[in-house]
């Protein structure tokens, strides 16, 4: 009897073992089929806006509670940026150009706390100053100091933002700027495939957290801001932002941890870039004296995009690697949807190949 009992127990143990092995194999296959996307780029490139756009397009809608959480961020971004503009007006000695009727508004903005809600009084001051010639002169020189360019959206929407019933909208959320620190993860199901997307801090002091965590990502989406060719880093006023982005791309593209990852380059902020190249010649920048495009010509935009694209692509040291590239506007949901749709097929195909499901 003992022998029979032992034999029954052995068979049951073997059955359970095979069940566990089957579950582990399925879990492993599912993990291999999971699409892992890592968003990288220098600070202020717009990668966190791309990250938020993915939620808008494929994730849960913004809840009322989340809208209320974004509202004070919009207030803070708007006030802080107008304060920066006011201080720049002082630094550039444009105070004399402030219209007399706006002098009181100007001082009020210099004195206001960044953490304040935007009431009618503060909103009226911001609205008046945004139209003021002295402030606009300082705005025209914004590449010479640190300010978030997209904040002009909030300035133009100030009537709505200073309303008593104001709650942040989806577009307000996309443009709200909170510096990314650490690693943020979102999960989506797109066309039946499981996607995980990771956003990490872009400033230099955040980069040491990247590499060791992401040696098995399906694709790296590297975001660089086209419009920042005449700007310097937030953390280092001696370094051109575009030069920094190209150098960082070189490090990422040729890093051994990403040898098997697809490499996708987003040249972002094309809307700001199109506006800036009408005023600021790329060739005037010391770092880009080799640019031969003719300022003001019909071909200038296409020539300049190709020039910067070549700067990035030339960093690739692997002749077998394709750098998939797109020109993007992260604040435009339609543009991001179209671009990601184009990327998605490439990502899915490469992931199936790497998982052994395609020859």
Foldseek 3Di string as FASTA:
>chain_A
DVVVVVVVVVVVVVVVVVVVVVVVVVVVLLVLLEAEEEEAFAPLLLSVLLVLLCCVVFNDDQDLVNLQVCLQLLQLLLLVQVLVLLVLLVVVVLPVQFDPVLPVLSVCSVPDDSRDQQAPSVLVSLQSLVPGPSSVVSVVVCQLDDHNVVNVVCSVVSVQRNDPPDTHDSLSNSSRDDFFAAKDWDWGQDPNHIYIYIYHGNHPVGVVRPQVVQLPHQAYEYGGELLQLSHADPVDRVHGRLVVRLVVLLCVLPPPSCPLHAAEYEHEPVVNNVVCLLPDPSCVDPVPVVQDADRPDPCRSVSSVVVSVCSNVVSHPDPVHDHHYDYYYSSDSVRSVVVVVVVVVVSSVSSCVVSVNDD
